[in-house]
Amino acid sequence: MDELRTGKPMVTGKVTIVPIERCYIQSISGDMGCWLYGLKEPFAIIIFDATGIRAYDTAAIEISVASLIQKIPDLSAMLASSKLKQVWPKEFPGNSA
């Protein structure tokens, strides 16, 4: 299993930060038994505030929020429930403002 998922959103004043985590689990079985390996690491963050919505990877390079929405099924619904969705560009799902 190798997937991206949202972490718990953090709200500070009028800024919301959503961590994006990469979760990886591998299992190997053999003659001597079974081994499990798990990894949870930061992948990106999504920041939205009065100036808009943007995402950055762990190297602080801006990445496409739309590409993250395609990779993470619950991200669109989570962002759509945000009180700050009026600052989104019109092409984002859930923006009716």
PDB file of N, CA and C in Angstrom:
ATOM      1  N   MET A   1       0.847  -1.167   0.000  1.00  0.00           N
ATOM      2  CA  MET A   1       0.000   0.000   0.000  1.00  0.00           C
ATOM      3  C   MET A   1       0.897   1.236   0.000  1.00  0.00           C
ATOM      4  N   ASP A   2       0.629   2.131  -0.868  1.00  0.00           N
ATOM      5  CA  ASP A   2       1.338   3.403  -0.942  1.00  0.00           C
ATOM      6  C   ASP A   2       0.299   4.444  -1.311  1.00  0.00           C
ATOM      7  N   GLU A   3      -0.045   5.323  -0.360  1.00  0.00           N
ATOM      8  CA  GLU A   3      -1.095   6.289  -0.625  1.00  0.00           C
ATOM      9  C   GLU A   3      -0.784   7.635   0.014  1.00  0.00           C
ATOM     10  N   LEU A   4      -1.432   8.645  -0.524  1.00  0.00           N
ATOM     11  CA  LEU A   4      -1.393   9.976   0.063  1.00  0.00           C
ATOM     12  C   LEU A   4      -2.704  10.190   0.794  1.00  0.00           C
ATOM     13  N   ARG A   5      -2.636  10.886   1.922  1.00  0.00           N
ATOM     14  CA  ARG A   5      -3.857  11.193   2.662  1.00  0.00           C
ATOM     15  C   ARG A   5      -3.684  12.502   3.401  1.00  0.00           C
ATOM     16  N   THR A   6      -4.810  13.079   3.790  1.00  0.00           N
ATOM     17  CA  THR A   6      -4.772  14.350   4.500  1.00  0.00           C
ATOM     18  C   THR A   6      -4.545  14.110   5.977  1.00  0.00           C
ATOM     19  N   GLY A   7      -3.807  15.021   6.586  1.00  0.00           N
ATOM     20  CA  GLY A   7      -3.661  15.023   8.031  1.00  0.00           C
ATOM     21  C   GLY A   7      -4.701  15.953   8.630  1.00  0.00           C
ATOM     22  N   LYS A   8      -4.585  16.194   9.913  1.00  0.00           N
ATOM     23  CA  LYS A   8      -5.536  17.066  10.604  1.00  0.00           C
ATOM     24  C   LYS A   8      -5.246  18.520  10.247  1.00  0.00           C
ATOM     25  N   PRO A   9      -6.233  19.237   9.708  1.00  0.00           N
ATOM     26  CA  PRO A   9      -6.027  20.658   9.374  1.00  0.00           C
ATOM     27  C   PRO A   9      -5.721  21.481  10.627  1.00  0.00           C
ATOM     28  N   MET A  10      -4.850  22.460  10.453  1.00  0.00           N
ATOM     29  CA  MET A  10      -4.485  23.357  11.542  1.00  0.00           C
ATOM     30  C   MET A  10      -4.939  24.762  11.151  1.00  0.00           C
ATOM     31  N   VAL A  11      -5.649  25.414  12.045  1.00  0.00           N
ATOM     32  CA  VAL A  11      -6.149  26.761  11.778  1.00  0.00           C
ATOM     33  C   VAL A  11      -5.476  27.719  12.749  1.00  0.00           C
ATOM     34  N   THR A  12      -4.850  28.746  12.206  1.00  0.00           N
ATOM     35  CA  THR A  12      -4.215  29.790  13.004  1.00  0.00           C
ATOM     36  C   THR A  12      -4.697  31.123  12.470  1.00  0.00           C
ATOM     37  N   GLY A  13      -5.530  31.779  13.220  1.00  0.00           N
ATOM     38  CA  GLY A  13      -6.103  33.035  12.748  1.00  0.00           C
ATOM     39  C   GLY A  13      -6.929  32.800  11.498  1.00  0.00           C
ATOM     40  N   LYS A  14      -6.566  33.455  10.399  1.00  0.00           N
ATOM     41  CA  LYS A  14      -7.292  33.303   9.143  1.00  0.00           C
ATOM     42  C   LYS A  14      -6.544  32.425   8.147  1.00  0.00           C
ATOM     43  N   VAL A  15      -5.587  31.656   8.644  1.00  0.00           N
ATOM     44  CA  VAL A  15      -4.804  30.769   7.786  1.00  0.00           C
ATOM     45  C   VAL A  15      -5.084  29.316   8.170  1.00  0.00           C
ATOM     46  N   THR A  16      -5.363  28.483   7.165  1.00  0.00           N
ATOM     47  CA  THR A  16      -5.554  27.053   7.393  1.00  0.00           C
ATOM     48  C   THR A  16      -4.455  26.304   6.665  1.00  0.00           C
ATOM     49  N   ILE A  17      -3.831  25.372   7.383  1.00  0.00           N
ATOM     50  CA  ILE A  17      -2.774  24.540   6.813  1.00  0.00           C
ATOM     51  C   ILE A  17      -3.232  23.088   6.895  1.00  0.00           C
ATOM     52  N   VAL A  18      -3.199  22.411   5.747  1.00  0.00           N
ATOM     53  CA  VAL A  18      -3.585  21.003   5.682  1.00  0.00           C
ATOM     54  C   VAL A  18      -2.337  20.182   5.324  1.00  0.00           C
ATOM     55  N   PRO A  19      -1.873  19.346   6.252  1.00  0.00           N
ATOM     56  CA  PRO A  19      -0.720  18.507   5.917  1.00  0.00           C
ATOM     57  C   PRO A  19      -1.148  17.339   5.022  1.00  0.00           C
ATOM     58  N   ILE A  20      -0.312  17.003   4.070  1.00  0.00           N
ATOM     59  CA  ILE A  20      -0.530  15.836   3.211  1.00  0.00           C
ATOM     60  C   ILE A  20       0.556  14.828   3.562  1.00  0.00           C
ATOM     61  N   GLU A  21       0.140  13.617   3.900  1.00  0.00           N
ATOM     62  CA  GLU A  21       1.058  12.574   4.347  1.00  0.00           C
ATOM     63  C   GLU A  21       1.137  11.451   3.327  1.00  0.00           C
ATOM     64  N   ARG A  22       2.305  10.882   3.203  1.00  0.00           N
ATOM     65  CA  ARG A  22       2.482   9.670   2.404  1.00  0.00           C
ATOM     66  C   ARG A  22       2.574   8.506   3.379  1.00  0.00           C
ATOM     67  N   CYS A  23       1.703   7.517   3.191  1.00  0.00           N
ATOM     68  CA  CYS A  23       1.699   6.320   4.026  1.00  0.00           C
ATOM     69  C   CYS A  23       2.047   5.121   3.155  1.00  0.00           C
ATOM     70  N   TYR A  24       2.983   4.338   3.643  1.00  0.00           N
ATOM     71  CA  TYR A  24       3.478   3.201   2.880  1.00  0.00           C
ATOM     72  C   TYR A  24       3.568   1.996   3.808  1.00  0.00           C
ATOM     73  N   ILE A  25       2.967   0.884   3.406  1.00  0.00           N
ATOM     74  CA  ILE A  25       3.054  -0.363   4.161  1.00  0.00           C
ATOM     75  C   ILE A  25       3.429  -1.472   3.193  1.00  0.00           C
ATOM     76  N   GLN A  26       4.423  -2.245   3.586  1.00  0.00           N
ATOM     77  CA  GLN A  26       4.885  -3.354   2.767  1.00  0.00           C
ATOM     78  C   GLN A  26       4.956  -4.599   3.642  1.00  0.00           C
ATOM     79  N   SER A  27       4.504  -5.704   3.105  1.00  0.00           N
ATOM     80  CA  SER A  27       4.629  -6.979   3.817  1.00  0.00           C
ATOM     81  C   SER A  27       5.351  -7.972   2.916  1.00  0.00           C
ATOM     82  N   ILE A  28       6.230  -8.719   3.545  1.00  0.00           N
ATOM     83  CA  ILE A  28       7.003  -9.729   2.832  1.00  0.00           C
ATOM     84  C   ILE A  28       6.904 -11.020   3.627  1.00  0.00           C
ATOM     85  N   SER A  29       6.525 -12.080   2.962  1.00  0.00           N
ATOM     86  CA  SER A  29       6.494 -13.375   3.644  1.00  0.00           C
ATOM     87  C   SER A  29       7.467 -14.326   2.958  1.00  0.00           C
ATOM     88  N   GLY A  30       8.050 -15.160   3.758  1.00  0.00           N
ATOM     89  CA  GLY A  30       9.024 -16.114   3.235  1.00  0.00           C
ATOM     90  C   GLY A  30       9.068 -17.350   4.096  1.00  0.00           C
ATOM     91  N   ASP A  31      10.060 -18.172   3.874  1.00  0.00           N
ATOM     92  CA  ASP A  31      10.193 -19.417   4.622  1.00  0.00           C
ATOM     93  C   ASP A  31      10.426 -19.181   6.120  1.00  0.00           C
ATOM     94  N   MET A  32      11.031 -18.060   6.457  1.00  0.00           N
ATOM     95  CA  MET A  32      11.386 -17.781   7.848  1.00  0.00           C
ATOM     96  C   MET A  32      10.353 -16.926   8.576  1.00  0.00           C
ATOM     97  N   GLY A  33       9.267 -16.556   7.918  1.00  0.00           N
ATOM     98  CA  GLY A  33       8.239 -15.773   8.573  1.00  0.00           C
ATOM     99  C   GLY A  33       7.720 -14.643   7.711  1.00  0.00           C
ATOM    100  N   CYS A  34       7.175 -13.659   8.394  1.00  0.00           N
ATOM    101  CA  CYS A  34       6.562 -12.520   7.712  1.00  0.00           C
ATOM    102  C   CYS A  34       7.151 -11.234   8.287  1.00  0.00           C
ATOM    103  N   TRP A  35       7.432 -10.265   7.428  1.00  0.00           N
ATOM    104  CA  TRP A  35       7.962  -8.986   7.845  1.00  0.00           C
ATOM    105  C   TRP A  35       7.018  -7.890   7.380  1.00  0.00           C
ATOM    106  N   LEU A  36       6.826  -6.939   8.251  1.00  0.00           N
ATOM    107  CA  LEU A  36       6.004  -5.773   7.913  1.00  0.00           C
ATOM    108  C   LEU A  36       6.856  -4.517   8.067  1.00  0.00           C
ATOM    109  N   TYR A  37       6.644  -3.598   7.154  1.00  0.00           N
ATOM    110  CA  TYR A  37       7.370  -2.347   7.176  1.00  0.00           C
ATOM    111  C   TYR A  37       6.359  -1.243   6.920  1.00  0.00           C
ATOM    112  N   GLY A  38       6.376  -0.226   7.759  1.00  0.00           N
ATOM    113  CA  GLY A  38       5.468   0.899   7.583  1.00  0.00           C
ATOM    114  C   GLY A  38       6.210   2.218   7.646  1.00  0.00           C
ATOM    115  N   LEU A  39       5.722   3.174   6.899  1.00  0.00           N
ATOM    116  CA  LEU A  39       6.347   4.492   6.842  1.00  0.00           C
ATOM    117  C   LEU A  39       5.248   5.540   6.703  1.00  0.00           C
ATOM    118  N   LYS A  40       5.360   6.576   7.490  1.00  0.00           N
ATOM    119  CA  LYS A  40       4.462   7.730   7.364  1.00  0.00           C
ATOM    120  C   LYS A  40       5.371   8.946   7.336  1.00  0.00           C
ATOM    121  N   GLU A  41       5.296   9.710   6.241  1.00  0.00           N
ATOM    122  CA  GLU A  41       6.188  10.850   6.101  1.00  0.00           C
ATOM    123  C   GLU A  41       5.461  12.036   5.499  1.00  0.00           C
ATOM    124  N   PRO A  42       5.951  13.242   5.753  1.00  0.00           N
ATOM    125  CA  PRO A  42       5.348  14.422   5.134  1.00  0.00           C
ATOM    126  C   PRO A  42       5.524  14.387   3.621  1.00  0.00           C
ATOM    127  N   PHE A  43       4.509  14.816   2.904  1.00  0.00           N
ATOM    128  CA  PHE A  43       4.570  14.876   1.441  1.00  0.00           C
ATOM    129  C   PHE A  43       4.429  16.313   0.943  1.00  0.00           C
ATOM    130  N   ALA A  44       3.470  17.031   1.524  1.00  0.00           N
ATOM    131  CA  ALA A  44       3.200  18.410   1.093  1.00  0.00           C
ATOM    132  C   ALA A  44       2.337  19.097   2.149  1.00  0.00           C
ATOM    133  N   ILE A  45       2.129  20.391   1.953  1.00  0.00           N
ATOM    134  CA  ILE A  45       1.148  21.126   2.756  1.00  0.00           C
ATOM    135  C   ILE A  45       0.307  21.969   1.810  1.00  0.00           C
ATOM    136  N   ILE A  46      -0.939  22.137   2.196  1.00  0.00           N
ATOM    137  CA  ILE A  46      -1.844  23.034   1.479  1.00  0.00           C
ATOM    138  C   ILE A  46      -2.108  24.201   2.417  1.00  0.00           C
ATOM    139  N   ILE A  47      -1.955  25.401   1.897  1.00  0.00           N
ATOM    140  CA  ILE A  47      -2.186  26.609   2.687  1.00  0.00           C
ATOM    141  C   ILE A  47      -3.305  27.385   2.017  1.00  0.00           C
ATOM    142  N   PHE A  48      -4.324  27.761   2.794  1.00  0.00           N
ATOM    143  CA  PHE A  48      -5.293  28.681   2.230  1.00  0.00           C
ATOM    144  C   PHE A  48      -5.629  29.773   3.222  1.00  0.00           C
ATOM    145  N   ASP A  49      -5.708  30.970   2.653  1.00  0.00           N
ATOM    146  CA  ASP A  49      -5.946  32.181   3.416  1.00  0.00           C
ATOM    147  C   ASP A  49      -6.615  33.202   2.501  1.00  0.00           C
ATOM    148  N   ALA A  50      -6.596  34.449   2.878  1.00  0.00           N
ATOM    149  CA  ALA A  50      -7.267  35.483   2.089  1.00  0.00           C
ATOM    150  C   ALA A  50      -6.640  35.695   0.711  1.00  0.00           C
ATOM    151  N   THR A  51      -5.393  35.293   0.531  1.00  0.00           N
ATOM    152  CA  THR A  51      -4.745  35.485  -0.769  1.00  0.00           C
ATOM    153  C   THR A  51      -4.991  34.324  -1.721  1.00  0.00           C
ATOM    154  N   GLY A  52      -5.527  33.213  -1.249  1.00  0.00           N
ATOM    155  CA  GLY A  52      -5.819  32.085  -2.123  1.00  0.00           C
ATOM    156  C   GLY A  52      -5.429  30.752  -1.525  1.00  0.00           C
ATOM    157  N   ILE A  53      -5.348  29.762  -2.391  1.00  0.00           N
ATOM    158  CA  ILE A  53      -5.015  28.403  -1.984  1.00  0.00           C
ATOM    159  C   ILE A  53      -3.796  27.959  -2.784  1.00  0.00           C
ATOM    160  N   ARG A  54      -2.849  27.351  -2.095  1.00  0.00           N
ATOM    161  CA  ARG A  54      -1.637  26.878  -2.765  1.00  0.00           C
ATOM    162  C   ARG A  54      -1.078  25.689  -2.002  1.00  0.00           C
ATOM    163  N   ALA A  55      -0.209  24.933  -2.680  1.00  0.00           N
ATOM    164  CA  ALA A  55       0.395  23.748  -2.071  1.00  0.00           C
ATOM    165  C   ALA A  55       1.891  23.756  -2.329  1.00  0.00           C
ATOM    166  N   TYR A  56       2.630  23.226  -1.365  1.00  0.00           N
ATOM    167  CA  TYR A  56       4.082  23.140  -1.465  1.00  0.00           C
ATOM    168  C   TYR A  56       4.530  21.748  -1.054  1.00  0.00           C
ATOM    169  N   ASP A  57       5.527  21.228  -1.765  1.00  0.00           N
ATOM    170  CA  ASP A  57       6.077  19.934  -1.372  1.00  0.00           C
ATOM    171  C   ASP A  57       7.110  20.137  -0.264  1.00  0.00           C
ATOM    172  N   THR A  58       7.773  19.067   0.156  1.00  0.00           N
ATOM    173  CA  THR A  58       8.711  19.166   1.274  1.00  0.00           C
ATOM    174  C   THR A  58       9.984  19.925   0.927  1.00  0.00           C
ATOM    175  N   ALA A  59      10.215  20.194  -0.348  1.00  0.00           N
ATOM    176  CA  ALA A  59      11.352  21.010  -0.766  1.00  0.00           C
ATOM    177  C   ALA A  59      10.947  22.475  -0.932  1.00  0.00           C
ATOM    178  N   ALA A  60       9.738  22.833  -0.492  1.00  0.00           N
ATOM    179  CA  ALA A  60       9.190  24.192  -0.573  1.00  0.00           C
ATOM    180  C   ALA A  60       8.970  24.657  -2.012  1.00  0.00           C
ATOM    181  N   ILE A  61       8.728  23.705  -2.912  1.00  0.00           N
ATOM    182  CA  ILE A  61       8.417  24.016  -4.303  1.00  0.00           C
ATOM    183  C   ILE A  61       6.901  23.962  -4.461  1.00  0.00           C
ATOM    184  N   GLU A  62       6.339  24.999  -5.080  1.00  0.00           N
ATOM    185  CA  GLU A  62       4.890  25.043  -5.257  1.00  0.00           C
ATOM    186  C   GLU A  62       4.442  23.931  -6.205  1.00  0.00           C
ATOM    187  N   ILE A  63       3.377  23.224  -5.815  1.00  0.00           N
ATOM    188  CA  ILE A  63       2.822  22.152  -6.636  1.00  0.00           C
ATOM    189  C   ILE A  63       1.338  22.420  -6.854  1.00  0.00           C
ATOM    190  N   SER A  64       0.749  21.707  -7.783  1.00  0.00           N
ATOM    191  CA  SER A  64      -0.644  21.905  -8.152  1.00  0.00           C
ATOM    192  C   SER A  64      -1.601  21.307  -7.117  1.00  0.00           C
ATOM    193  N   VAL A  65      -2.504  22.136  -6.607  1.00  0.00           N
ATOM    194  CA  VAL A  65      -3.532  21.645  -5.692  1.00  0.00           C
ATOM    195  C   VAL A  65      -4.463  20.689  -6.435  1.00  0.00           C
ATOM    196  N   ALA A  66      -4.754  20.994  -7.696  1.00  0.00           N
ATOM    197  CA  ALA A  66      -5.637  20.128  -8.490  1.00  0.00           C
ATOM    198  C   ALA A  66      -5.061  18.719  -8.619  1.00  0.00           C
ATOM    199  N   SER A  67      -3.745  18.593  -8.758  1.00  0.00           N
ATOM    200  CA  SER A  67      -3.146  17.255  -8.858  1.00  0.00           C
ATOM    201  C   SER A  67      -3.268  16.509  -7.537  1.00  0.00           C
ATOM    202  N   LEU A  68      -3.188  17.213  -6.412  1.00  0.00           N
ATOM    203  CA  LEU A  68      -3.380  16.555  -5.115  1.00  0.00           C
ATOM    204  C   LEU A  68      -4.827  16.096  -4.950  1.00  0.00           C
ATOM    205  N   ILE A  69      -5.763  16.909  -5.425  1.00  0.00           N
ATOM    206  CA  ILE A  69      -7.181  16.535  -5.347  1.00  0.00           C
ATOM    207  C   ILE A  69      -7.430  15.251  -6.139  1.00  0.00           C
ATOM    208  N   GLN A  70      -6.773  15.094  -7.284  1.00  0.00           N
ATOM    209  CA  GLN A  70      -6.918  13.870  -8.078  1.00  0.00           C
ATOM    210  C   GLN A  70      -6.341  12.650  -7.370  1.00  0.00           C
ATOM    211  N   LYS A  71      -5.290  12.837  -6.596  1.00  0.00           N
ATOM    212  CA  LYS A  71      -4.611  11.720  -5.929  1.00  0.00           C
ATOM    213  C   LYS A  71      -5.220  11.343  -4.581  1.00  0.00           C
ATOM    214  N   ILE A  72      -5.945  12.278  -3.950  1.00  0.00           N
ATOM    215  CA  ILE A  72      -6.485  12.052  -2.607  1.00  0.00           C
ATOM    216  C   ILE A  72      -8.003  12.212  -2.657  1.00  0.00           C
ATOM    217  N   PRO A  73      -8.743  11.111  -2.622  1.00  0.00           N
ATOM    218  CA  PRO A  73     -10.196  11.154  -2.800  1.00  0.00           C
ATOM    219  C   PRO A  73     -10.944  12.074  -1.826  1.00  0.00           C
ATOM    220  N   ASP A  74     -10.551  12.129  -0.561  1.00  0.00           N
ATOM    221  CA  ASP A  74     -11.307  12.923   0.401  1.00  0.00           C
ATOM    222  C   ASP A  74     -10.875  14.384   0.475  1.00  0.00           C
ATOM    223  N   LEU A  75      -9.857  14.765  -0.252  1.00  0.00           N
ATOM    224  CA  LEU A  75      -9.346  16.131  -0.176  1.00  0.00           C
ATOM    225  C   LEU A  75     -10.349  17.155  -0.708  1.00  0.00           C
ATOM    226  N   SER A  76     -10.985  16.867  -1.807  1.00  0.00           N
ATOM    227  CA  SER A  76     -11.941  17.804  -2.390  1.00  0.00           C
ATOM    228  C   SER A  76     -13.086  18.095  -1.429  1.00  0.00           C
ATOM    229  N   ALA A  77     -13.640  17.056  -0.812  1.00  0.00           N
ATOM    230  CA  ALA A  77     -14.747  17.236   0.128  1.00  0.00           C
ATOM    231  C   ALA A  77     -14.291  18.011   1.364  1.00  0.00           C
ATOM    232  N   MET A  78     -13.084  17.724   1.827  1.00  0.00           N
ATOM    233  CA  MET A  78     -12.561  18.415   2.995  1.00  0.00           C
ATOM    234  C   MET A  78     -12.344  19.899   2.701  1.00  0.00           C
ATOM    235  N   LEU A  79     -11.791  20.207   1.543  1.00  0.00           N
ATOM    236  CA  LEU A  79     -11.592  21.602   1.174  1.00  0.00           C
ATOM    237  C   LEU A  79     -12.917  22.299   0.904  1.00  0.00           C
ATOM    238  N   ALA A  80     -13.883  21.593   0.342  1.00  0.00           N
ATOM    239  CA  ALA A  80     -15.189  22.190   0.045  1.00  0.00           C
ATOM    240  C   ALA A  80     -15.934  22.582   1.313  1.00  0.00           C
ATOM    241  N   SER A  81     -15.639  21.915   2.417  1.00  0.00           N
ATOM    242  CA  SER A  81     -16.315  22.247   3.667  1.00  0.00           C
ATOM    243  C   SER A  81     -15.659  23.418   4.386  1.00  0.00           C
ATOM    244  N   SER A  82     -14.584  23.927   3.840  1.00  0.00           N
ATOM    245  CA  SER A  82     -13.843  25.018   4.468  1.00  0.00           C
ATOM    246  C   SER A  82     -14.623  26.323   4.414  1.00  0.00           C
ATOM    247  N   LYS A  83     -14.464  27.109   5.433  1.00  0.00           N
ATOM    248  CA  LYS A  83     -15.083  28.441   5.473  1.00  0.00           C
ATOM    249  C   LYS A  83     -14.383  29.412   4.539  1.00  0.00           C
ATOM    250  N   LEU A  84     -13.181  29.072   4.084  1.00  0.00           N
ATOM    251  CA  LEU A  84     -12.421  29.981   3.235  1.00  0.00           C
ATOM    252  C   LEU A  84     -12.557  29.669   1.754  1.00  0.00           C
ATOM    253  N   LYS A  85     -13.505  28.843   1.356  1.00  0.00           N
ATOM    254  CA  LYS A  85     -13.564  28.434  -0.041  1.00  0.00           C
ATOM    255  C   LYS A  85     -13.893  29.574  -1.006  1.00  0.00           C
ATOM    256  N   GLN A  86     -14.335  30.707  -0.508  1.00  0.00           N
ATOM    257  CA  GLN A  86     -14.609  31.819  -1.400  1.00  0.00           C
ATOM    258  C   GLN A  86     -13.345  32.381  -2.037  1.00  0.00           C
ATOM    259  N   VAL A  87     -12.162  32.046  -1.531  1.00  0.00           N
ATOM    260  CA  VAL A  87     -10.926  32.542  -2.126  1.00  0.00           C
ATOM    261  C   VAL A  87     -10.365  31.593  -3.179  1.00  0.00           C
ATOM    262  N   TRP A  88     -11.007  30.454  -3.398  1.00  0.00           N
ATOM    263  CA  TRP A  88     -10.524  29.484  -4.380  1.00  0.00           C
ATOM    264  C   TRP A  88     -10.724  29.995  -5.790  1.00  0.00           C
ATOM    265  N   PRO A  89      -9.845  29.593  -6.694  1.00  0.00           N
ATOM    266  CA  PRO A  89     -10.130  29.835  -8.114  1.00  0.00           C
ATOM    267  C   PRO A  89     -11.386  29.068  -8.519  1.00  0.00           C
ATOM    268  N   LYS A  90     -12.115  29.548  -9.507  1.00  0.00           N
ATOM    269  CA  LYS A  90     -13.394  28.937  -9.896  1.00  0.00           C
ATOM    270  C   LYS A  90     -13.268  27.509 -10.404  1.00  0.00           C
ATOM    271  N   GLU A  91     -12.079  27.095 -10.876  1.00  0.00           N
ATOM    272  CA  GLU A  91     -11.954  25.755 -11.417  1.00  0.00           C
ATOM    273  C   GLU A  91     -11.876  24.652 -10.356  1.00  0.00           C
ATOM    274  N   PHE A  92     -11.799  25.019  -9.053  1.00  0.00           N
ATOM    275  CA  PHE A  92     -11.703  23.996  -8.022  1.00  0.00           C
ATOM    276  C   PHE A  92     -13.081  23.422  -7.701  1.00  0.00           C
ATOM    277  N   PRO A  93     -13.143  22.097  -7.473  1.00  0.00           N
ATOM    278  CA  PRO A  93     -14.420  21.457  -7.137  1.00  0.00           C
ATOM    279  C   PRO A  93     -14.981  22.043  -5.846  1.00  0.00           C
ATOM    280  N   GLY A  94     -16.274  22.168  -5.790  1.00  0.00           N
ATOM    281  CA  GLY A  94     -16.940  22.637  -4.581  1.00  0.00           C
ATOM    282  C   GLY A  94     -16.991  24.147  -4.444  1.00  0.00           C
ATOM    283  N   ASN A  95     -16.442  24.882  -5.390  1.00  0.00           N
ATOM    284  CA  ASN A  95     -16.460  26.331  -5.285  1.00  0.00           C
ATOM    285  C   ASN A  95     -17.735  26.862  -5.940  1.00  0.00           C
ATOM    286  N   SER A  96     -18.633  27.315  -5.114  1.00  0.00           N
ATOM    287  CA  SER A  96     -19.873  27.891  -5.636  1.00  0.00           C
ATOM    288  C   SER A  96     -19.933  29.385  -5.364  1.00  0.00           C
ATOM    289  N   ALA A  97     -18.835  29.929  -4.847  1.00  0.00           N
ATOM    290  CA  ALA A  97     -18.815  31.370  -4.523  1.00  0.00           C
ATOM    291  C   ALA A  97     -18.673  32.222  -5.747  1.00  0.00           C
TER     292      ALA A  97
END
